[in-house]
Structures are given as structure tokens and as C-alpha cells.
Amino acid sequence: METQHTKPNYIAVFIALVILTAAEVTVTYLPVPRLPILIPLSITKAVLVVLFYMHLKYDRRLFSGLFLIGVFGALAVIISFTLLFGPPLLDTVK
């Protein structure tokens, strides 16, 4: 069953991405903790790109599910490698 949708406003999405990028660049020059601000901004930008420019907002749920399987697989690999090769969590030798 196809759902009817209007054409997305790509110009508005582009302007939002520009504003978010400018905010990220500005944060890097401020004397504030960067990660708590930059991570949500980056996630917001990624979601906008995926929904509108990759057309997942208007596609079948199957494609969104396949995309999410890839995202969770990549996160599992990143977390696994971080735990394997990152700094030790418990320093037992003093």
C-alpha cells in the first residue's frame, strides 16, 4: 500500500544542516565541554540526511529496517573493537 506524501522541502533541510554545522563549528571554539553538545548535533544531522536525502522517511519500512540492522551492526563492531583494543578498563597492576 503506497502512502501519499508531498514533496519534501530539500532547501529547508539544507538550511537546517548548514545551521547545525555552523553550531558545531562554533562549539569547537567555545570553552565548554564539547562532546555533550556535539554528539546530539551530529546525530540530528545524520537523521536529517538519512530521512530526507536517503528517502527513508517515505520508503517502505523494510528499507528502514535493513538500514537499522547495518547501523546496529556497525555499532556492535565499534564497541567490540573499543573494548578489545582500547585502554584497559580496570588497571590491576600498580
PDB file of N, CA and C in Angstrom:
ATOM      1  N   MET A   1       0.838  -1.168   0.000  1.00  0.00           N
ATOM      2  CA  MET A   1       0.000   0.000   0.000  1.00  0.00           C
ATOM      3  C   MET A   1       0.889   1.238   0.000  1.00  0.00           C
ATOM      4  N   GLU A   2       0.742   2.072  -0.979  1.00  0.00           N
ATOM      5  CA  GLU A   2       1.530   3.301  -1.094  1.00  0.00           C
ATOM      6  C   GLU A   2       0.892   4.403  -0.259  1.00  0.00           C
ATOM      7  N   THR A   3       1.715   5.156   0.407  1.00  0.00           N
ATOM      8  CA  THR A   3       1.217   6.310   1.141  1.00  0.00           C
ATOM      9  C   THR A   3       1.475   7.556   0.322  1.00  0.00           C
ATOM     10  N   GLN A   4       0.523   8.442   0.332  1.00  0.00           N
ATOM     11  CA  GLN A   4       0.672   9.694  -0.392  1.00  0.00           C
ATOM     12  C   GLN A   4       1.478  10.664   0.473  1.00  0.00           C
ATOM     13  N   HIS A   5       2.403  11.335  -0.147  1.00  0.00           N
ATOM     14  CA  HIS A   5       3.183  12.322   0.574  1.00  0.00           C
ATOM     15  C   HIS A   5       3.489  13.480  -0.354  1.00  0.00           C
ATOM     16  N   THR A   6       3.719  14.606   0.268  1.00  0.00           N
ATOM     17  CA  THR A   6       4.093  15.771  -0.514  1.00  0.00           C
ATOM     18  C   THR A   6       5.594  15.747  -0.747  1.00  0.00           C
ATOM     19  N   LYS A   7       6.038  16.569  -1.649  1.00  0.00           N
ATOM     20  CA  LYS A   7       7.473  16.650  -1.907  1.00  0.00           C
ATOM     21  C   LYS A   7       8.165  17.257  -0.691  1.00  0.00           C
ATOM     22  N   PRO A   8       9.257  16.639  -0.263  1.00  0.00           N
ATOM     23  CA  PRO A   8       9.980  17.219   0.868  1.00  0.00           C
ATOM     24  C   PRO A   8      10.639  18.536   0.472  1.00  0.00           C
ATOM     25  N   ASN A   9      10.772  19.413   1.425  1.00  0.00           N
ATOM     26  CA  ASN A   9      11.397  20.707   1.196  1.00  0.00           C
ATOM     27  C   ASN A   9      12.905  20.562   1.416  1.00  0.00           C
ATOM     28  N   TYR A  10      13.611  20.225   0.347  1.00  0.00           N
ATOM     29  CA  TYR A  10      15.044  19.985   0.455  1.00  0.00           C
ATOM     30  C   TYR A  10      15.822  21.248   0.806  1.00  0.00           C
ATOM     31  N   ILE A  11      15.327  22.382   0.401  1.00  0.00           N
ATOM     32  CA  ILE A  11      16.010  23.640   0.729  1.00  0.00           C
ATOM     33  C   ILE A  11      15.968  23.875   2.240  1.00  0.00           C
ATOM     34  N   ALA A  12      14.826  23.624   2.867  1.00  0.00           N
ATOM     35  CA  ALA A  12      14.712  23.801   4.318  1.00  0.00           C
ATOM     36  C   ALA A  12      15.615  22.814   5.054  1.00  0.00           C
ATOM     37  N   VAL A  13      15.688  21.582   4.563  1.00  0.00           N
ATOM     38  CA  VAL A  13      16.569  20.592   5.187  1.00  0.00           C
ATOM     39  C   VAL A  13      18.022  21.022   5.025  1.00  0.00           C
ATOM     40  N   PHE A  14      18.377  21.521   3.838  1.00  0.00           N
ATOM     41  CA  PHE A  14      19.733  22.002   3.601  1.00  0.00           C
ATOM     42  C   PHE A  14      20.078  23.156   4.546  1.00  0.00           C
ATOM     43  N   ILE A  15      19.153  24.097   4.710  1.00  0.00           N
ATOM     44  CA  ILE A  15      19.400  25.231   5.607  1.00  0.00           C
ATOM     45  C   ILE A  15      19.561  24.745   7.051  1.00  0.00           C
ATOM     46  N   ALA A  16      18.758  23.771   7.459  1.00  0.00           N
ATOM     47  CA  ALA A  16      18.894  23.216   8.807  1.00  0.00           C
ATOM     48  C   ALA A  16      20.258  22.558   8.981  1.00  0.00           C
ATOM     49  N   LEU A  17      20.723  21.836   7.955  1.00  0.00           N
ATOM     50  CA  LEU A  17      22.043  21.207   8.033  1.00  0.00           C
ATOM     51  C   LEU A  17      23.157  22.244   8.103  1.00  0.00           C
ATOM     52  N   VAL A  18      23.012  23.347   7.365  1.00  0.00           N
ATOM     53  CA  VAL A  18      24.010  24.422   7.418  1.00  0.00           C
ATOM     54  C   VAL A  18      24.040  25.046   8.808  1.00  0.00           C
ATOM     55  N   ILE A  19      22.864  25.288   9.378  1.00  0.00           N
ATOM     56  CA  ILE A  19      22.795  25.888  10.719  1.00  0.00           C
ATOM     57  C   ILE A  19      23.405  24.947  11.757  1.00  0.00           C
ATOM     58  N   LEU A  20      23.094  23.662  11.660  1.00  0.00           N
ATOM     59  CA  LEU A  20      23.674  22.700  12.606  1.00  0.00           C
ATOM     60  C   LEU A  20      25.189  22.606  12.460  1.00  0.00           C
ATOM     61  N   THR A  21      25.680  22.663  11.229  1.00  0.00           N
ATOM     62  CA  THR A  21      27.124  22.634  11.005  1.00  0.00           C
ATOM     63  C   THR A  21      27.781  23.886  11.574  1.00  0.00           C
ATOM     64  N   ALA A  22      27.163  25.043  11.379  1.00  0.00           N
ATOM     65  CA  ALA A  22      27.697  26.284  11.947  1.00  0.00           C
ATOM     66  C   ALA A  22      27.710  26.209  13.472  1.00  0.00           C
ATOM     67  N   ALA A  23      26.687  25.606  14.050  1.00  0.00           N
ATOM     68  CA  ALA A  23      26.656  25.445  15.509  1.00  0.00           C
ATOM     69  C   ALA A  23      27.791  24.527  15.971  1.00  0.00           C
ATOM     70  N   GLU A  24      28.050  23.456  15.224  1.00  0.00           N
ATOM     71  CA  GLU A  24      29.151  22.557  15.588  1.00  0.00           C
ATOM     72  C   GLU A  24      30.498  23.263  15.525  1.00  0.00           C
ATOM     73  N   VAL A  25      30.707  24.032  14.485  1.00  0.00           N
ATOM     74  CA  VAL A  25      31.971  24.756  14.348  1.00  0.00           C
ATOM     75  C   VAL A  25      32.106  25.779  15.471  1.00  0.00           C
ATOM     76  N   THR A  26      31.030  26.458  15.795  1.00  0.00           N
ATOM     77  CA  THR A  26      31.061  27.452  16.885  1.00  0.00           C
ATOM     78  C   THR A  26      31.396  26.802  18.213  1.00  0.00           C
ATOM     79  N   VAL A  27      30.816  25.634  18.486  1.00  0.00           N
ATOM     80  CA  VAL A  27      31.053  24.946  19.752  1.00  0.00           C
ATOM     81  C   VAL A  27      32.519  24.577  19.904  1.00  0.00           C
ATOM     82  N   THR A  28      33.198  24.254  18.805  1.00  0.00           N
ATOM     83  CA  THR A  28      34.601  23.856  18.916  1.00  0.00           C
ATOM     84  C   THR A  28      35.483  25.007  19.387  1.00  0.00           C
ATOM     85  N   TYR A  29      35.031  26.241  19.212  1.00  0.00           N
ATOM     86  CA  TYR A  29      35.817  27.401  19.649  1.00  0.00           C
ATOM     87  C   TYR A  29      35.421  27.903  21.023  1.00  0.00           C
ATOM     88  N   LEU A  30      34.378  27.374  21.611  1.00  0.00           N
ATOM     89  CA  LEU A  30      33.925  27.815  22.926  1.00  0.00           C
ATOM     90  C   LEU A  30      34.586  26.997  24.024  1.00  0.00           C
ATOM     91  N   PRO A  31      34.812  27.623  25.181  1.00  0.00           N
ATOM     92  CA  PRO A  31      35.416  26.878  26.303  1.00  0.00           C
ATOM     93  C   PRO A  31      34.353  26.107  27.099  1.00  0.00           C
ATOM     94  N   VAL A  32      33.693  25.185  26.436  1.00  0.00           N
ATOM     95  CA  VAL A  32      32.656  24.368  27.081  1.00  0.00           C
ATOM     96  C   VAL A  32      32.964  22.904  26.796  1.00  0.00           C
ATOM     97  N   PRO A  33      32.386  21.995  27.583  1.00  0.00           N
ATOM     98  CA  PRO A  33      32.551  20.568  27.247  1.00  0.00           C
ATOM     99  C   PRO A  33      31.929  20.299  25.878  1.00  0.00           C
ATOM    100  N   ARG A  34      32.718  19.736  24.971  1.00  0.00           N
ATOM    101  CA  ARG A  34      32.274  19.625  23.578  1.00  0.00           C
ATOM    102  C   ARG A  34      31.403  18.411  23.302  1.00  0.00           C
ATOM    103  N   LEU A  35      31.764  17.265  23.837  1.00  0.00           N
ATOM    104  CA  LEU A  35      31.045  16.034  23.475  1.00  0.00           C
ATOM    105  C   LEU A  35      29.553  16.071  23.806  1.00  0.00           C
ATOM    106  N   PRO A  36      29.142  16.565  24.971  1.00  0.00           N
ATOM    107  CA  PRO A  36      27.694  16.579  25.245  1.00  0.00           C
ATOM    108  C   PRO A  36      26.902  17.471  24.282  1.00  0.00           C
ATOM    109  N   ILE A  37      27.569  18.384  23.620  1.00  0.00           N
ATOM    110  CA  ILE A  37      26.889  19.257  22.662  1.00  0.00           C
ATOM    111  C   ILE A  37      27.040  18.720  21.241  1.00  0.00           C
ATOM    112  N   LEU A  38      28.231  18.266  20.882  1.00  0.00           N
ATOM    113  CA  LEU A  38      28.495  17.851  19.508  1.00  0.00           C
ATOM    114  C   LEU A  38      27.815  16.531  19.124  1.00  0.00           C
ATOM    115  N   ILE A  39      27.722  15.607  20.051  1.00  0.00           N
ATOM    116  CA  ILE A  39      27.110  14.314  19.715  1.00  0.00           C
ATOM    117  C   ILE A  39      25.638  14.470  19.335  1.00  0.00           C
ATOM    118  N   PRO A  40      24.805  15.168  20.121  1.00  0.00           N
ATOM    119  CA  PRO A  40      23.405  15.339  19.674  1.00  0.00           C
ATOM    120  C   PRO A  40      23.288  16.121  18.367  1.00  0.00           C
ATOM    121  N   LEU A  41      24.150  17.117  18.159  1.00  0.00           N
ATOM    122  CA  LEU A  41      24.108  17.850  16.893  1.00  0.00           C
ATOM    123  C   LEU A  41      24.448  16.933  15.722  1.00  0.00           C
ATOM    124  N   SER A  42      25.453  16.095  15.894  1.00  0.00           N
ATOM    125  CA  SER A  42      25.840  15.161  14.828  1.00  0.00           C
ATOM    126  C   SER A  42      24.753  14.130  14.554  1.00  0.00           C
ATOM    127  N   ILE A  43      24.141  13.628  15.605  1.00  0.00           N
ATOM    128  CA  ILE A  43      23.066  12.653  15.432  1.00  0.00           C
ATOM    129  C   ILE A  43      21.886  13.293  14.710  1.00  0.00           C
ATOM    130  N   THR A  44      21.559  14.543  15.061  1.00  0.00           N
ATOM    131  CA  THR A  44      20.468  15.253  14.398  1.00  0.00           C
ATOM    132  C   THR A  44      20.754  15.423  12.910  1.00  0.00           C
ATOM    133  N   LYS A  45      21.981  15.803  12.577  1.00  0.00           N
ATOM    134  CA  LYS A  45      22.351  15.946  11.168  1.00  0.00           C
ATOM    135  C   LYS A  45      22.254  14.610  10.433  1.00  0.00           C
ATOM    136  N   ALA A  46      22.742  13.552  11.052  1.00  0.00           N
ATOM    137  CA  ALA A  46      22.696  12.233  10.416  1.00  0.00           C
ATOM    138  C   ALA A  46      21.252  11.791  10.180  1.00  0.00           C
ATOM    139  N   VAL A  47      20.389  12.037  11.141  1.00  0.00           N
ATOM    140  CA  VAL A  47      18.981  11.658  10.995  1.00  0.00           C
ATOM    141  C   VAL A  47      18.330  12.441   9.859  1.00  0.00           C
ATOM    142  N   LEU A  48      18.614  13.732   9.754  1.00  0.00           N
ATOM    143  CA  LEU A  48      18.057  14.532   8.663  1.00  0.00           C
ATOM    144  C   LEU A  48      18.519  14.008   7.301  1.00  0.00           C
ATOM    145  N   VAL A  49      19.790  13.689   7.191  1.00  0.00           N
ATOM    146  CA  VAL A  49      20.316  13.176   5.923  1.00  0.00           C
ATOM    147  C   VAL A  49      19.673  11.834   5.575  1.00  0.00           C
ATOM    148  N   VAL A  50      19.573  10.960   6.560  1.00  0.00           N
ATOM    149  CA  VAL A  50      19.002   9.633   6.308  1.00  0.00           C
ATOM    150  C   VAL A  50      17.525   9.739   5.939  1.00  0.00           C
ATOM    151  N   LEU A  51      16.774  10.550   6.659  1.00  0.00           N
ATOM    152  CA  LEU A  51      15.342  10.635   6.398  1.00  0.00           C
ATOM    153  C   LEU A  51      15.023  11.277   5.052  1.00  0.00           C
ATOM    154  N   PHE A  52      15.707  12.370   4.731  1.00  0.00           N
ATOM    155  CA  PHE A  52      15.313  13.132   3.549  1.00  0.00           C
ATOM    156  C   PHE A  52      16.161  12.823   2.320  1.00  0.00           C
ATOM    157  N   TYR A  53      17.477  12.857   2.447  1.00  0.00           N
ATOM    158  CA  TYR A  53      18.315  12.673   1.268  1.00  0.00           C
ATOM    159  C   TYR A  53      18.477  11.206   0.888  1.00  0.00           C
ATOM    160  N   MET A  54      18.317  10.297   1.846  1.00  0.00           N
ATOM    161  CA  MET A  54      18.316   8.869   1.517  1.00  0.00           C
ATOM    162  C   MET A  54      16.885   8.362   1.345  1.00  0.00           C
ATOM    163  N   HIS A  55      15.906   9.237   1.515  1.00  0.00           N
ATOM    164  CA  HIS A  55      14.491   8.974   1.270  1.00  0.00           C
ATOM    165  C   HIS A  55      13.895   7.888   2.153  1.00  0.00           C
ATOM    166  N   LEU A  56      14.463   7.645   3.318  1.00  0.00           N
ATOM    167  CA  LEU A  56      13.904   6.610   4.178  1.00  0.00           C
ATOM    168  C   LEU A  56      12.603   7.046   4.838  1.00  0.00           C
ATOM    169  N   LYS A  57      12.352   8.340   4.887  1.00  0.00           N
ATOM    170  CA  LYS A  57      11.114   8.807   5.501  1.00  0.00           C
ATOM    171  C   LYS A  57       9.902   8.363   4.692  1.00  0.00           C
ATOM    172  N   TYR A  58      10.040   8.298   3.391  1.00  0.00           N
ATOM    173  CA  TYR A  58       8.907   7.983   2.527  1.00  0.00           C
ATOM    174  C   TYR A  58       8.999   6.592   1.909  1.00  0.00           C
ATOM    175  N   ASP A  59       9.991   5.810   2.264  1.00  0.00           N
ATOM    176  CA  ASP A  59      10.156   4.476   1.705  1.00  0.00           C
ATOM    177  C   ASP A  59       9.450   3.437   2.565  1.00  0.00           C
ATOM    178  N   ARG A  60       9.505   2.211   2.109  1.00  0.00           N
ATOM    179  CA  ARG A  60       8.916   1.103   2.869  1.00  0.00           C
ATOM    180  C   ARG A  60       9.696   0.893   4.159  1.00  0.00           C
ATOM    181  N   ARG A  61       9.017   0.315   5.130  1.00  0.00           N
ATOM    182  CA  ARG A  61       9.668   0.046   6.418  1.00  0.00           C
ATOM    183  C   ARG A  61      10.764  -1.005   6.295  1.00  0.00           C
ATOM    184  N   LEU A  62      10.666  -1.838   5.301  1.00  0.00           N
ATOM    185  CA  LEU A  62      11.696  -2.857   5.080  1.00  0.00           C
ATOM    186  C   LEU A  62      13.060  -2.197   4.892  1.00  0.00           C
ATOM    187  N   PHE A  63      13.109  -1.127   4.099  1.00  0.00           N
ATOM    188  CA  PHE A  63      14.377  -0.448   3.857  1.00  0.00           C
ATOM    189  C   PHE A  63      14.904   0.226   5.125  1.00  0.00           C
ATOM    190  N   SER A  64      14.006   0.777   5.921  1.00  0.00           N
ATOM    191  CA  SER A  64      14.428   1.372   7.198  1.00  0.00           C
ATOM    192  C   SER A  64      14.983   0.293   8.121  1.00  0.00           C
ATOM    193  N   GLY A  65      14.322  -0.865   8.132  1.00  0.00           N
ATOM    194  CA  GLY A  65      14.805  -1.973   8.957  1.00  0.00           C
ATOM    195  C   GLY A  65      16.170  -2.457   8.518  1.00  0.00           C
ATOM    196  N   LEU A  66      16.367  -2.595   7.218  1.00  0.00           N
ATOM    197  CA  LEU A  66      17.681  -3.006   6.718  1.00  0.00           C
ATOM    198  C   LEU A  66      18.752  -1.980   7.070  1.00  0.00           C
ATOM    199  N   PHE A  67      18.408  -0.717   6.968  1.00  0.00           N
ATOM    200  CA  PHE A  67      19.358   0.333   7.331  1.00  0.00           C
ATOM    201  C   PHE A  67      19.712   0.249   8.815  1.00  0.00           C
ATOM    202  N   LEU A  68      18.701   0.044   9.663  1.00  0.00           N
ATOM    203  CA  LEU A  68      18.956  -0.035  11.106  1.00  0.00           C
ATOM    204  C   LEU A  68      19.777  -1.269  11.473  1.00  0.00           C
ATOM    205  N   ILE A  69      19.580  -2.372  10.762  1.00  0.00           N
ATOM    206  CA  ILE A  69      20.412  -3.558  11.008  1.00  0.00           C
ATOM    207  C   ILE A  69      21.877  -3.216  10.754  1.00  0.00           C
ATOM    208  N   GLY A  70      22.148  -2.483   9.670  1.00  0.00           N
ATOM    209  CA  GLY A  70      23.518  -2.065   9.387  1.00  0.00           C
ATOM    210  C   GLY A  70      24.078  -1.128  10.435  1.00  0.00           C
ATOM    211  N   VAL A  71      23.252  -0.196  10.902  1.00  0.00           N
ATOM    212  CA  VAL A  71      23.697   0.754  11.929  1.00  0.00           C
ATOM    213  C   VAL A  71      24.037   0.023  13.222  1.00  0.00           C
ATOM    214  N   PHE A  72      23.147  -0.882  13.652  1.00  0.00           N
ATOM    215  CA  PHE A  72      23.410  -1.610  14.896  1.00  0.00           C
ATOM    216  C   PHE A  72      24.599  -2.562  14.747  1.00  0.00           C
ATOM    217  N   GLY A  73      24.773  -3.134  13.567  1.00  0.00           N
ATOM    218  CA  GLY A  73      25.948  -3.973  13.329  1.00  0.00           C
ATOM    219  C   GLY A  73      27.234  -3.168  13.417  1.00  0.00           C
ATOM    220  N   ALA A  74      27.226  -1.980  12.821  1.00  0.00           N
ATOM    221  CA  ALA A  74      28.414  -1.120  12.892  1.00  0.00           C
ATOM    222  C   ALA A  74      28.700  -0.703  14.331  1.00  0.00           C
ATOM    223  N   LEU A  75      27.658  -0.370  15.086  1.00  0.00           N
ATOM    224  CA  LEU A  75      27.857  -0.008  16.496  1.00  0.00           C
ATOM    225  C   LEU A  75      28.434  -1.182  17.287  1.00  0.00           C
ATOM    226  N   ALA A  76      27.961  -2.383  17.003  1.00  0.00           N
ATOM    227  CA  ALA A  76      28.491  -3.562  17.706  1.00  0.00           C
ATOM    228  C   ALA A  76      29.970  -3.756  17.407  1.00  0.00           C
ATOM    229  N   VAL A  77      30.362  -3.563  16.152  1.00  0.00           N
ATOM    230  CA  VAL A  77      31.772  -3.706  15.777  1.00  0.00           C
ATOM    231  C   VAL A  77      32.612  -2.621  16.450  1.00  0.00           C
ATOM    232  N   ILE A  78      32.129  -1.389  16.444  1.00  0.00           N
ATOM    233  CA  ILE A  78      32.872  -0.286  17.066  1.00  0.00           C
ATOM    234  C   ILE A  78      33.046  -0.528  18.563  1.00  0.00           C
ATOM    235  N   ILE A  79      31.973  -0.919  19.229  1.00  0.00           N
ATOM    236  CA  ILE A  79      32.054  -1.174  20.673  1.00  0.00           C
ATOM    237  C   ILE A  79      32.979  -2.356  20.954  1.00  0.00           C
ATOM    238  N   SER A  80      32.882  -3.412  20.146  1.00  0.00           N
ATOM    239  CA  SER A  80      33.745  -4.573  20.345  1.00  0.00           C
ATOM    240  C   SER A  80      35.212  -4.215  20.182  1.00  0.00           C
ATOM    241  N   PHE A  81      35.543  -3.486  19.123  1.00  0.00           N
ATOM    242  CA  PHE A  81      36.938  -3.098  18.911  1.00  0.00           C
ATOM    243  C   PHE A  81      37.429  -2.143  19.988  1.00  0.00           C
ATOM    244  N   THR A  82      36.551  -1.276  20.456  1.00  0.00           N
ATOM    245  CA  THR A  82      36.949  -0.372  21.538  1.00  0.00           C
ATOM    246  C   THR A  82      37.270  -1.155  22.800  1.00  0.00           C
ATOM    247  N   LEU A  83      36.449  -2.144  23.106  1.00  0.00           N
ATOM    248  CA  LEU A  83      36.706  -2.958  24.299  1.00  0.00           C
ATOM    249  C   LEU A  83      37.930  -3.856  24.127  1.00  0.00           C
ATOM    250  N   LEU A  84      38.158  -4.347  22.913  1.00  0.00           N
ATOM    251  CA  LEU A  84      39.306  -5.220  22.670  1.00  0.00           C
ATOM    252  C   LEU A  84      40.634  -4.472  22.648  1.00  0.00           C
ATOM    253  N   PHE A  85      40.669  -3.366  21.929  1.00  0.00           N
ATOM    254  CA  PHE A  85      41.940  -2.691  21.675  1.00  0.00           C
ATOM    255  C   PHE A  85      42.077  -1.346  22.356  1.00  0.00           C
ATOM    256  N   GLY A  86      41.063  -0.914  23.078  1.00  0.00           N
ATOM    257  CA  GLY A  86      41.118   0.385  23.761  1.00  0.00           C
ATOM    258  C   GLY A  86      41.919   0.282  25.040  1.00  0.00           C
ATOM    259  N   PRO A  87      41.950   1.355  25.794  1.00  0.00           N
ATOM    260  CA  PRO A  87      42.666   1.335  27.071  1.00  0.00           C
ATOM    261  C   PRO A  87      41.972   0.366  28.035  1.00  0.00           C
ATOM    262  N   PRO A  88      42.760  -0.242  28.911  1.00  0.00           N
ATOM    263  CA  PRO A  88      42.149  -1.205  29.854  1.00  0.00           C
ATOM    264  C   PRO A  88      41.161  -0.515  30.770  1.00  0.00           C
ATOM    265  N   LEU A  89      40.035  -1.190  31.021  1.00  0.00           N
ATOM    266  CA  LEU A  89      39.013  -0.607  31.882  1.00  0.00           C
ATOM    267  C   LEU A  89      39.405  -0.689  33.354  1.00  0.00           C
ATOM    268  N   LEU A  90      40.006  -1.791  33.713  1.00  0.00           N
ATOM    269  CA  LEU A  90      40.427  -1.976  35.107  1.00  0.00           C
ATOM    270  C   LEU A  90      41.941  -2.147  35.124  1.00  0.00           C
ATOM    271  N   ASP A  91      42.610  -1.228  35.766  1.00  0.00           N
ATOM    272  CA  ASP A  91      44.066  -1.297  35.844  1.00  0.00           C
ATOM    273  C   ASP A  91      44.427  -2.074  37.113  1.00  0.00           C
ATOM    274  N   THR A  92      44.775  -3.358  36.971  1.00  0.00           N
ATOM    275  CA  THR A  92      45.050  -4.197  38.136  1.00  0.00           C
ATOM    276  C   THR A  92      46.505  -4.131  38.577  1.00  0.00           C
ATOM    277  N   VAL A  93      47.410  -3.741  37.677  1.00  0.00           N
ATOM    278  CA  VAL A  93      48.828  -3.667  38.020  1.00  0.00           C
ATOM    279  C   VAL A  93      49.140  -2.257  38.490  1.00  0.00           C
ATOM    280  N   LYS A  94      49.777  -2.164  39.651  1.00  0.00           N
ATOM    281  CA  LYS A  94      50.112  -0.834  40.174  1.00  0.00           C
ATOM    282  C   LYS A  94      51.588  -0.628  40.196  1.00  0.00           C
TER     283      LYS A  94
END
